[in-house]
Amino acid sequence: MKILVLVGPTGVGKSAVALEFARENRFPIINCDSVQLYQELVIGSARPTAEEMQIVPHHLFGEFSIESRVTAGQYARAAKERIAEIAKSAPDWCLIVGGT
């Protein structure tokens, strides 16, 4: 599987660009934002809406509870596992998006 990565500072429109690009190319999106990983942090995190998440598959958004401490290593393992799952049935590409 080939992976495209879209990163940049907060508030520059990464999510909108990613959604449009993923829609046009039928790529799944994998979250790589430290705040959007948490279930409870919806407001203020600019997490995609439920409607946006239905346009293309989204992964690792709201995956963890804020009550658990998630390390970079835990995220890396979760992302690696998810990419392996996606590779079994998805296109040859996926898009990782995040700012942190």
PDB file of N, CA and C in Angstrom:
ATOM      1  N   MET A   1       0.837  -1.175   0.000  1.00  0.00           N
ATOM      2  CA  MET A   1       0.000   0.000   0.000  1.00  0.00           C
ATOM      3  C   MET A   1       0.883   1.239   0.000  1.00  0.00           C
ATOM      4  N   LYS A   2       0.496   2.203  -0.806  1.00  0.00           N
ATOM      5  CA  LYS A   2       1.199   3.476  -0.849  1.00  0.00           C
ATOM      6  C   LYS A   2       0.453   4.460   0.049  1.00  0.00           C
ATOM      7  N   ILE A   3       1.222   5.302   0.733  1.00  0.00           N
ATOM      8  CA  ILE A   3       0.634   6.214   1.704  1.00  0.00           C
ATOM      9  C   ILE A   3       1.026   7.644   1.372  1.00  0.00           C
ATOM     10  N   LEU A   4       0.019   8.489   1.266  1.00  0.00           N
ATOM     11  CA  LEU A   4       0.237   9.928   1.140  1.00  0.00           C
ATOM     12  C   LEU A   4       0.038  10.533   2.521  1.00  0.00           C
ATOM     13  N   VAL A   5       0.826  11.537   2.864  1.00  0.00           N
ATOM     14  CA  VAL A   5       0.719  12.180   4.164  1.00  0.00           C
ATOM     15  C   VAL A   5       0.514  13.675   3.949  1.00  0.00           C
ATOM     16  N   LEU A   6      -0.524  14.205   4.568  1.00  0.00           N
ATOM     17  CA  LEU A   6      -0.821  15.631   4.514  1.00  0.00           C
ATOM     18  C   LEU A   6      -0.707  16.183   5.928  1.00  0.00           C
ATOM     19  N   VAL A   7       0.275  17.017   6.148  1.00  0.00           N
ATOM     20  CA  VAL A   7       0.498  17.602   7.470  1.00  0.00           C
ATOM     21  C   VAL A   7       0.631  19.115   7.343  1.00  0.00           C
ATOM     22  N   GLY A   8       0.453  19.788   8.452  1.00  0.00           N
ATOM     23  CA  GLY A   8       0.596  21.231   8.481  1.00  0.00           C
ATOM     24  C   GLY A   8       0.078  21.778   9.786  1.00  0.00           C
ATOM     25  N   PRO A   9       0.226  23.068   9.983  1.00  0.00           N
ATOM     26  CA  PRO A   9      -0.205  23.678  11.241  1.00  0.00           C
ATOM     27  C   PRO A   9      -1.728  23.670  11.390  1.00  0.00           C
ATOM     28  N   THR A  10      -2.168  23.881  12.608  1.00  0.00           N
ATOM     29  CA  THR A  10      -3.589  23.935  12.922  1.00  0.00           C
ATOM     30  C   THR A  10      -4.266  25.065  12.160  1.00  0.00           C
ATOM     31  N   GLY A  11      -5.461  24.757  11.652  1.00  0.00           N
ATOM     32  CA  GLY A  11      -6.306  25.788  11.075  1.00  0.00           C
ATOM     33  C   GLY A  11      -6.011  26.200   9.645  1.00  0.00           C
ATOM     34  N   VAL A  12      -5.242  25.408   8.907  1.00  0.00           N
ATOM     35  CA  VAL A  12      -4.928  25.804   7.527  1.00  0.00           C
ATOM     36  C   VAL A  12      -5.806  25.098   6.490  1.00  0.00           C
ATOM     37  N   GLY A  13      -6.704  24.224   6.937  1.00  0.00           N
ATOM     38  CA  GLY A  13      -7.627  23.578   6.012  1.00  0.00           C
ATOM     39  C   GLY A  13      -7.232  22.183   5.554  1.00  0.00           C
ATOM     40  N   LYS A  14      -6.375  21.515   6.307  1.00  0.00           N
ATOM     41  CA  LYS A  14      -5.944  20.160   5.920  1.00  0.00           C
ATOM     42  C   LYS A  14      -7.123  19.212   5.764  1.00  0.00           C
ATOM     43  N   SER A  15      -8.053  19.266   6.717  1.00  0.00           N
ATOM     44  CA  SER A  15      -9.172  18.322   6.684  1.00  0.00           C
ATOM     45  C   SER A  15     -10.023  18.490   5.437  1.00  0.00           C
ATOM     46  N   ALA A  16     -10.315  19.726   5.061  1.00  0.00           N
ATOM     47  CA  ALA A  16     -11.131  19.976   3.865  1.00  0.00           C
ATOM     48  C   ALA A  16     -10.411  19.508   2.607  1.00  0.00           C
ATOM     49  N   VAL A  17      -9.130  19.816   2.505  1.00  0.00           N
ATOM     50  CA  VAL A  17      -8.341  19.381   1.351  1.00  0.00           C
ATOM     51  C   VAL A  17      -8.283  17.852   1.304  1.00  0.00           C
ATOM     52  N   ALA A  18      -8.048  17.246   2.459  1.00  0.00           N
ATOM     53  CA  ALA A  18      -7.960  15.779   2.520  1.00  0.00           C
ATOM     54  C   ALA A  18      -9.266  15.130   2.099  1.00  0.00           C
ATOM     55  N   LEU A  19     -10.374  15.661   2.595  1.00  0.00           N
ATOM     56  CA  LEU A  19     -11.670  15.075   2.260  1.00  0.00           C
ATOM     57  C   LEU A  19     -11.941  15.158   0.763  1.00  0.00           C
ATOM     58  N   GLU A  20     -11.692  16.297   0.173  1.00  0.00           N
ATOM     59  CA  GLU A  20     -11.925  16.452  -1.268  1.00  0.00           C
ATOM     60  C   GLU A  20     -11.003  15.535  -2.078  1.00  0.00           C
ATOM     61  N   PHE A  21      -9.744  15.498  -1.706  1.00  0.00           N
ATOM     62  CA  PHE A  21      -8.776  14.654  -2.417  1.00  0.00           C
ATOM     63  C   PHE A  21      -9.144  13.175  -2.274  1.00  0.00           C
ATOM     64  N   ALA A  22      -9.481  12.781  -1.058  1.00  0.00           N
ATOM     65  CA  ALA A  22      -9.845  11.380  -0.809  1.00  0.00           C
ATOM     66  C   ALA A  22     -11.126  11.007  -1.553  1.00  0.00           C
ATOM     67  N   ARG A  23     -12.078  11.928  -1.596  1.00  0.00           N
ATOM     68  CA  ARG A  23     -13.322  11.666  -2.327  1.00  0.00           C
ATOM     69  C   ARG A  23     -13.055  11.476  -3.809  1.00  0.00           C
ATOM     70  N   GLU A  24     -12.272  12.363  -4.375  1.00  0.00           N
ATOM     71  CA  GLU A  24     -11.977  12.283  -5.807  1.00  0.00           C
ATOM     72  C   GLU A  24     -11.210  11.015  -6.175  1.00  0.00           C
ATOM     73  N   ASN A  25     -10.341  10.560  -5.274  1.00  0.00           N
ATOM     74  CA  ASN A  25      -9.471   9.415  -5.568  1.00  0.00           C
ATOM     75  C   ASN A  25      -9.882   8.121  -4.873  1.00  0.00           C
ATOM     76  N   ARG A  26     -10.947   8.207  -4.098  1.00  0.00           N
ATOM     77  CA  ARG A  26     -11.454   7.043  -3.358  1.00  0.00           C
ATOM     78  C   ARG A  26     -10.405   6.456  -2.421  1.00  0.00           C
ATOM     79  N   PHE A  27      -9.731   7.334  -1.711  1.00  0.00           N
ATOM     80  CA  PHE A  27      -8.734   6.920  -0.714  1.00  0.00           C
ATOM     81  C   PHE A  27      -9.367   6.961   0.670  1.00  0.00           C
ATOM     82  N   PRO A  28      -9.080   6.003   1.520  1.00  0.00           N
ATOM     83  CA  PRO A  28      -9.479   6.134   2.927  1.00  0.00           C
ATOM     84  C   PRO A  28      -8.568   7.149   3.624  1.00  0.00           C
ATOM     85  N   ILE A  29      -9.084   7.779   4.680  1.00  0.00           N
ATOM     86  CA  ILE A  29      -8.329   8.754   5.464  1.00  0.00           C
ATOM     87  C   ILE A  29      -8.002   8.152   6.818  1.00  0.00           C
ATOM     88  N   ILE A  30      -6.749   8.308   7.235  1.00  0.00           N
ATOM     89  CA  ILE A  30      -6.309   7.861   8.555  1.00  0.00           C
ATOM     90  C   ILE A  30      -5.890   9.090   9.354  1.00  0.00           C
ATOM     91  N   ASN A  31      -6.453   9.234  10.522  1.00  0.00           N
ATOM     92  CA  ASN A  31      -6.166  10.366  11.382  1.00  0.00           C
ATOM     93  C   ASN A  31      -4.774  10.276  11.993  1.00  0.00           C
ATOM     94  N   CYS A  32      -4.102  11.416  12.023  1.00  0.00           N
ATOM     95  CA  CYS A  32      -2.800  11.515  12.692  1.00  0.00           C
ATOM     96  C   CYS A  32      -2.755  12.820  13.495  1.00  0.00           C
ATOM     97  N   ASP A  33      -3.871  13.159  14.107  1.00  0.00           N
ATOM     98  CA  ASP A  33      -3.957  14.349  14.942  1.00  0.00           C
ATOM     99  C   ASP A  33      -4.148  13.901  16.385  1.00  0.00           C
ATOM    100  N   SER A  34      -3.330  14.405  17.271  1.00  0.00           N
ATOM    101  CA  SER A  34      -3.337  13.928  18.657  1.00  0.00           C
ATOM    102  C   SER A  34      -4.648  14.227  19.389  1.00  0.00           C
ATOM    103  N   VAL A  35      -5.372  15.243  19.002  1.00  0.00           N
ATOM    104  CA  VAL A  35      -6.625  15.579  19.673  1.00  0.00           C
ATOM    105  C   VAL A  35      -7.788  14.782  19.084  1.00  0.00           C
ATOM    106  N   GLN A  36      -7.800  14.610  17.782  1.00  0.00           N
ATOM    107  CA  GLN A  36      -8.905  13.906  17.134  1.00  0.00           C
ATOM    108  C   GLN A  36      -8.905  12.409  17.427  1.00  0.00           C
ATOM    109  N   LEU A  37      -7.850  11.909  18.040  1.00  0.00           N
ATOM    110  CA  LEU A  37      -7.804  10.501  18.435  1.00  0.00           C
ATOM    111  C   LEU A  37      -8.816  10.173  19.527  1.00  0.00           C
ATOM    112  N   TYR A  38      -9.189  11.183  20.319  1.00  0.00           N
ATOM    113  CA  TYR A  38      -9.993  10.943  21.515  1.00  0.00           C
ATOM    114  C   TYR A  38     -11.485  11.092  21.258  1.00  0.00           C
ATOM    115  N   GLN A  39     -12.252  10.119  21.762  1.00  0.00           N
ATOM    116  CA  GLN A  39     -13.702  10.088  21.602  1.00  0.00           C
ATOM    117  C   GLN A  39     -14.363  11.345  22.136  1.00  0.00           C
ATOM    118  N   GLU A  40     -13.927  11.788  23.285  1.00  0.00           N
ATOM    119  CA  GLU A  40     -14.617  12.857  23.985  1.00  0.00           C
ATOM    120  C   GLU A  40     -14.279  14.255  23.474  1.00  0.00           C
ATOM    121  N   LEU A  41     -13.263  14.394  22.653  1.00  0.00           N
ATOM    122  CA  LEU A  41     -12.831  15.716  22.191  1.00  0.00           C
ATOM    123  C   LEU A  41     -13.349  16.001  20.782  1.00  0.00           C
ATOM    124  N   VAL A  42     -14.637  16.240  20.699  1.00  0.00           N
ATOM    125  CA  VAL A  42     -15.254  16.522  19.404  1.00  0.00           C
ATOM    126  C   VAL A  42     -15.264  18.031  19.154  1.00  0.00           C
ATOM    127  N   ILE A  43     -15.784  18.776  20.110  1.00  0.00           N
ATOM    128  CA  ILE A  43     -15.850  20.232  19.980  1.00  0.00           C
ATOM    129  C   ILE A  43     -14.442  20.794  20.137  1.00  0.00           C
ATOM    130  N   GLY A  44     -14.054  21.651  19.227  1.00  0.00           N
ATOM    131  CA  GLY A  44     -12.739  22.279  19.295  1.00  0.00           C
ATOM    132  C   GLY A  44     -11.624  21.476  18.657  1.00  0.00           C
ATOM    133  N   SER A  45     -11.931  20.281  18.169  1.00  0.00           N
ATOM    134  CA  SER A  45     -10.885  19.451  17.560  1.00  0.00           C
ATOM    135  C   SER A  45     -10.935  19.477  16.039  1.00  0.00           C
ATOM    136  N   ALA A  46     -11.985  20.083  15.487  1.00  0.00           N
ATOM    137  CA  ALA A  46     -12.201  20.110  14.035  1.00  0.00           C
ATOM    138  C   ALA A  46     -12.283  18.701  13.448  1.00  0.00           C
ATOM    139  N   ARG A  47     -12.777  17.768  14.250  1.00  0.00           N
ATOM    140  CA  ARG A  47     -12.969  16.404  13.762  1.00  0.00           C
ATOM    141  C   ARG A  47     -14.018  16.413  12.651  1.00  0.00           C
ATOM    142  N   PRO A  48     -13.844  15.599  11.620  1.00  0.00           N
ATOM    143  CA  PRO A  48     -14.845  15.540  10.552  1.00  0.00           C
ATOM    144  C   PRO A  48     -16.219  15.187  11.120  1.00  0.00           C
ATOM    145  N   THR A  49     -17.248  15.730  10.497  1.00  0.00           N
ATOM    146  CA  THR A  49     -18.618  15.443  10.917  1.00  0.00           C
ATOM    147  C   THR A  49     -18.995  14.019  10.514  1.00  0.00           C
ATOM    148  N   ALA A  50     -20.093  13.560  11.071  1.00  0.00           N
ATOM    149  CA  ALA A  50     -20.590  12.228  10.701  1.00  0.00           C
ATOM    150  C   ALA A  50     -20.880  12.160   9.205  1.00  0.00           C
ATOM    151  N   GLU A  51     -21.399  13.243   8.648  1.00  0.00           N
ATOM    152  CA  GLU A  51     -21.688  13.281   7.213  1.00  0.00           C
ATOM    153  C   GLU A  51     -20.401  13.192   6.395  1.00  0.00           C
ATOM    154  N   GLU A  52     -19.370  13.921   6.807  1.00  0.00           N
ATOM    155  CA  GLU A  52     -18.090  13.873   6.096  1.00  0.00           C
ATOM    156  C   GLU A  52     -17.461  12.488   6.186  1.00  0.00           C
ATOM    157  N   MET A  53     -17.619  11.851   7.338  1.00  0.00           N
ATOM    158  CA  MET A  53     -17.033  10.511   7.517  1.00  0.00           C
ATOM    159  C   MET A  53     -17.726   9.458   6.669  1.00  0.00           C
ATOM    160  N   GLN A  54     -18.925   9.767   6.176  1.00  0.00           N
ATOM    161  CA  GLN A  54     -19.631   8.829   5.301  1.00  0.00           C
ATOM    162  C   GLN A  54     -19.213   8.968   3.845  1.00  0.00           C
ATOM    163  N   ILE A  55     -18.545  10.056   3.501  1.00  0.00           N
ATOM    164  CA  ILE A  55     -18.128  10.280   2.114  1.00  0.00           C
ATOM    165  C   ILE A  55     -17.027   9.307   1.722  1.00  0.00           C
ATOM    166  N   VAL A  56     -16.038   9.155   2.588  1.00  0.00           N
ATOM    167  CA  VAL A  56     -14.963   8.177   2.411  1.00  0.00           C
ATOM    168  C   VAL A  56     -14.696   7.544   3.770  1.00  0.00           C
ATOM    169  N   PRO A  57     -14.124   6.350   3.814  1.00  0.00           N
ATOM    170  CA  PRO A  57     -13.812   5.751   5.108  1.00  0.00           C
ATOM    171  C   PRO A  57     -12.790   6.595   5.883  1.00  0.00           C
ATOM    172  N   HIS A  58     -13.072   6.800   7.160  1.00  0.00           N
ATOM    173  CA  HIS A  58     -12.177   7.520   8.067  1.00  0.00           C
ATOM    174  C   HIS A  58     -11.751   6.550   9.172  1.00  0.00           C
ATOM    175  N   HIS A  59     -10.486   6.625   9.559  1.00  0.00           N
ATOM    176  CA  HIS A  59      -9.957   5.705  10.562  1.00  0.00           C
ATOM    177  C   HIS A  59      -9.194   6.454  11.643  1.00  0.00           C
ATOM    178  N   LEU A  60      -9.254   5.914  12.855  1.00  0.00           N
ATOM    179  CA  LEU A  60      -8.551   6.414  14.042  1.00  0.00           C
ATOM    180  C   LEU A  60      -9.040   7.797  14.485  1.00  0.00           C
ATOM    181  N   PHE A  61     -10.279   8.111  14.205  1.00  0.00           N
ATOM    182  CA  PHE A  61     -10.914   9.305  14.756  1.00  0.00           C
ATOM    183  C   PHE A  61     -11.751   8.844  15.942  1.00  0.00           C
ATOM    184  N   GLY A  62     -11.531   9.418  17.122  1.00  0.00           N
ATOM    185  CA  GLY A  62     -12.281   9.010  18.298  1.00  0.00           C
ATOM    186  C   GLY A  62     -12.007   7.592  18.724  1.00  0.00           C
ATOM    187  N   GLU A  63     -10.822   7.123  18.459  1.00  0.00           N
ATOM    188  CA  GLU A  63     -10.456   5.727  18.699  1.00  0.00           C
ATOM    189  C   GLU A  63     -10.157   5.427  20.170  1.00  0.00           C
ATOM    190  N   PHE A  64      -9.726   6.430  20.902  1.00  0.00           N
ATOM    191  CA  PHE A  64      -9.302   6.228  22.286  1.00  0.00           C
ATOM    192  C   PHE A  64     -10.101   7.116  23.228  1.00  0.00           C
ATOM    193  N   SER A  65     -10.229   6.680  24.472  1.00  0.00           N
ATOM    194  CA  SER A  65     -10.857   7.508  25.496  1.00  0.00           C
ATOM    195  C   SER A  65      -9.835   8.493  26.047  1.00  0.00           C
ATOM    196  N   ILE A  66     -10.305   9.679  26.381  1.00  0.00           N
ATOM    197  CA  ILE A  66      -9.437  10.698  26.966  1.00  0.00           C
ATOM    198  C   ILE A  66      -8.892  10.229  28.320  1.00  0.00           C
ATOM    199  N   GLU A  67      -9.554   9.250  28.892  1.00  0.00           N
ATOM    200  CA  GLU A  67      -9.119   8.727  30.192  1.00  0.00           C
ATOM    201  C   GLU A  67      -7.880   7.858  30.072  1.00  0.00           C
ATOM    202  N   SER A  68      -7.554   7.437  28.876  1.00  0.00           N
ATOM    203  CA  SER A  68      -6.346   6.632  28.684  1.00  0.00           C
ATOM    204  C   SER A  68      -5.260   7.497  28.067  1.00  0.00           C
ATOM    205  N   ARG A  69      -4.061   7.290  28.510  1.00  0.00           N
ATOM    206  CA  ARG A  69      -2.928   8.037  27.963  1.00  0.00           C
ATOM    207  C   ARG A  69      -2.428   7.295  26.729  1.00  0.00           C
ATOM    208  N   VAL A  70      -2.387   7.983  25.607  1.00  0.00           N
ATOM    209  CA  VAL A  70      -1.945   7.361  24.364  1.00  0.00           C
ATOM    210  C   VAL A  70      -0.575   7.929  24.006  1.00  0.00           C
ATOM    211  N   THR A  71       0.393   7.052  23.857  1.00  0.00           N
ATOM    212  CA  THR A  71       1.735   7.481  23.491  1.00  0.00           C
ATOM    213  C   THR A  71       1.894   7.449  21.971  1.00  0.00           C
ATOM    214  N   ALA A  72       2.956   8.051  21.515  1.00  0.00           N
ATOM    215  CA  ALA A  72       3.245   8.011  20.080  1.00  0.00           C
ATOM    216  C   ALA A  72       3.430   6.569  19.620  1.00  0.00           C
ATOM    217  N   GLY A  73       4.037   5.748  20.455  1.00  0.00           N
ATOM    218  CA  GLY A  73       4.228   4.339  20.113  1.00  0.00           C
ATOM    219  C   GLY A  73       2.908   3.602  19.979  1.00  0.00           C
ATOM    220  N   GLN A  74       1.966   3.871  20.894  1.00  0.00           N
ATOM    221  CA  GLN A  74       0.653   3.237  20.800  1.00  0.00           C
ATOM    222  C   GLN A  74      -0.070   3.677  19.531  1.00  0.00           C
ATOM    223  N   TYR A  75       0.031   4.969  19.221  1.00  0.00           N
ATOM    224  CA  TYR A  75      -0.582   5.449  17.988  1.00  0.00           C
ATOM    225  C   TYR A  75       0.047   4.759  16.782  1.00  0.00           C
ATOM    226  N   ALA A  76       1.372   4.673  16.757  1.00  0.00           N
ATOM    227  CA  ALA A  76       2.069   4.062  15.621  1.00  0.00           C
ATOM    228  C   ALA A  76       1.626   2.615  15.427  1.00  0.00           C
ATOM    229  N   ARG A  77       1.489   1.878  16.530  1.00  0.00           N
ATOM    230  CA  ARG A  77       1.032   0.486  16.417  1.00  0.00           C
ATOM    231  C   ARG A  77      -0.410   0.420  15.906  1.00  0.00           C
ATOM    232  N   ALA A  78      -1.271   1.289  16.440  1.00  0.00           N
ATOM    233  CA  ALA A  78      -2.670   1.302  15.996  1.00  0.00           C
ATOM    234  C   ALA A  78      -2.762   1.670  14.514  1.00  0.00           C
ATOM    235  N   ALA A  79      -1.981   2.661  14.092  1.00  0.00           N
ATOM    236  CA  ALA A  79      -1.994   3.067  12.684  1.00  0.00           C
ATOM    237  C   ALA A  79      -1.475   1.951  11.784  1.00  0.00           C
ATOM    238  N   LYS A  80      -0.411   1.308  12.208  1.00  0.00           N
ATOM    239  CA  LYS A  80       0.154   0.212  11.412  1.00  0.00           C
ATOM    240  C   LYS A  80      -0.857  -0.921  11.259  1.00  0.00           C
ATOM    241  N   GLU A  81      -1.541  -1.266  12.345  1.00  0.00           N
ATOM    242  CA  GLU A  81      -2.553  -2.321  12.289  1.00  0.00           C
ATOM    243  C   GLU A  81      -3.707  -1.923  11.372  1.00  0.00           C
ATOM    244  N   ARG A  82      -4.142  -0.672  11.481  1.00  0.00           N
ATOM    245  CA  ARG A  82      -5.260  -0.214  10.661  1.00  0.00           C
ATOM    246  C   ARG A  82      -4.878  -0.185   9.187  1.00  0.00           C
ATOM    247  N   ILE A  83      -3.681   0.268   8.880  1.00  0.00           N
ATOM    248  CA  ILE A  83      -3.223   0.286   7.489  1.00  0.00           C
ATOM    249  C   ILE A  83      -3.187  -1.131   6.927  1.00  0.00           C
ATOM    250  N   ALA A  84      -2.739  -2.085   7.724  1.00  0.00           N
ATOM    251  CA  ALA A  84      -2.716  -3.487   7.274  1.00  0.00           C
ATOM    252  C   ALA A  84      -4.134  -3.985   7.001  1.00  0.00           C
ATOM    253  N   GLU A  85      -5.099  -3.610   7.843  1.00  0.00           N
ATOM    254  CA  GLU A  85      -6.490  -3.997   7.630  1.00  0.00           C
ATOM    255  C   GLU A  85      -7.037  -3.367   6.345  1.00  0.00           C
ATOM    256  N   ILE A  86      -6.761  -2.082   6.175  1.00  0.00           N
ATOM    257  CA  ILE A  86      -7.249  -1.368   4.996  1.00  0.00           C
ATOM    258  C   ILE A  86      -6.659  -1.977   3.726  1.00  0.00           C
ATOM    259  N   ALA A  87      -5.396  -2.340   3.774  1.00  0.00           N
ATOM    260  CA  ALA A  87      -4.702  -2.870   2.595  1.00  0.00           C
ATOM    261  C   ALA A  87      -5.338  -4.157   2.084  1.00  0.00           C
ATOM    262  N   LYS A  88      -6.028  -4.874   2.945  1.00  0.00           N
ATOM    263  CA  LYS A  88      -6.662  -6.129   2.530  1.00  0.00           C
ATOM    264  C   LYS A  88      -7.832  -5.910   1.576  1.00  0.00           C
ATOM    265  N   SER A  89      -8.500  -4.755   1.698  1.00  0.00           N
ATOM    266  CA  SER A  89      -9.703  -4.575   0.892  1.00  0.00           C
ATOM    267  C   SER A  89      -9.816  -3.213   0.211  1.00  0.00           C
ATOM    268  N   ALA A  90      -8.908  -2.324   0.463  1.00  0.00           N
ATOM    269  CA  ALA A  90      -9.020  -0.959  -0.047  1.00  0.00           C
ATOM    270  C   ALA A  90      -8.138  -0.759  -1.271  1.00  0.00           C
ATOM    271  N   PRO A  91      -8.212   0.446  -1.840  1.00  0.00           N
ATOM    272  CA  PRO A  91      -7.339   0.750  -2.969  1.00  0.00           C
ATOM    273  C   PRO A  91      -5.867   0.677  -2.559  1.00  0.00           C
ATOM    274  N   ASP A  92      -5.019   0.894  -3.504  1.00  0.00           N
ATOM    275  CA  ASP A  92      -3.579   0.807  -3.254  1.00  0.00           C
ATOM    276  C   ASP A  92      -3.036   1.977  -2.462  1.00  0.00           C
ATOM    277  N   TRP A  93      -3.869   2.964  -2.188  1.00  0.00           N
ATOM    278  CA  TRP A  93      -3.429   4.195  -1.518  1.00  0.00           C
ATOM    279  C   TRP A  93      -4.280   4.471  -0.288  1.00  0.00           C
ATOM    280  N   CYS A  94      -3.683   5.194   0.652  1.00  0.00           N
ATOM    281  CA  CYS A  94      -4.454   5.799   1.730  1.00  0.00           C
ATOM    282  C   CYS A  94      -3.831   7.157   2.042  1.00  0.00           C
ATOM    283  N   LEU A  95      -4.559   7.974   2.761  1.00  0.00           N
ATOM    284  CA  LEU A  95      -4.144   9.339   3.059  1.00  0.00           C
ATOM    285  C   LEU A  95      -4.108   9.515   4.563  1.00  0.00           C
ATOM    286  N   ILE A  96      -2.954   9.830   5.105  1.00  0.00           N
ATOM    287  CA  ILE A  96      -2.790  10.134   6.528  1.00  0.00           C
ATOM    288  C   ILE A  96      -2.800  11.644   6.674  1.00  0.00           C
ATOM    289  N   VAL A  97      -3.625  12.147   7.602  1.00  0.00           N
ATOM    290  CA  VAL A  97      -3.791  13.582   7.763  1.00  0.00           C
ATOM    291  C   VAL A  97      -3.652  13.974   9.226  1.00  0.00           C
ATOM    292  N   GLY A  98      -2.860  14.996   9.490  1.00  0.00           N
ATOM    293  CA  GLY A  98      -2.755  15.493  10.861  1.00  0.00           C
ATOM    294  C   GLY A  98      -1.840  16.686  10.968  1.00  0.00           C
ATOM    295  N   GLY A  99      -1.914  17.302  12.135  1.00  0.00           N
ATOM    296  CA  GLY A  99      -1.117  18.487  12.358  1.00  0.00           C
ATOM    297  C   GLY A  99      -0.140  18.356  13.503  1.00  0.00           C
ATOM    298  N   THR A 100      -0.262  17.285  14.265  1.00  0.00           N
ATOM    299  CA  THR A 100       0.634  17.122  15.418  1.00  0.00           C
ATOM    300  C   THR A 100       1.313  15.779  15.369  1.00  0.00           C
TER     301      THR A 100
END
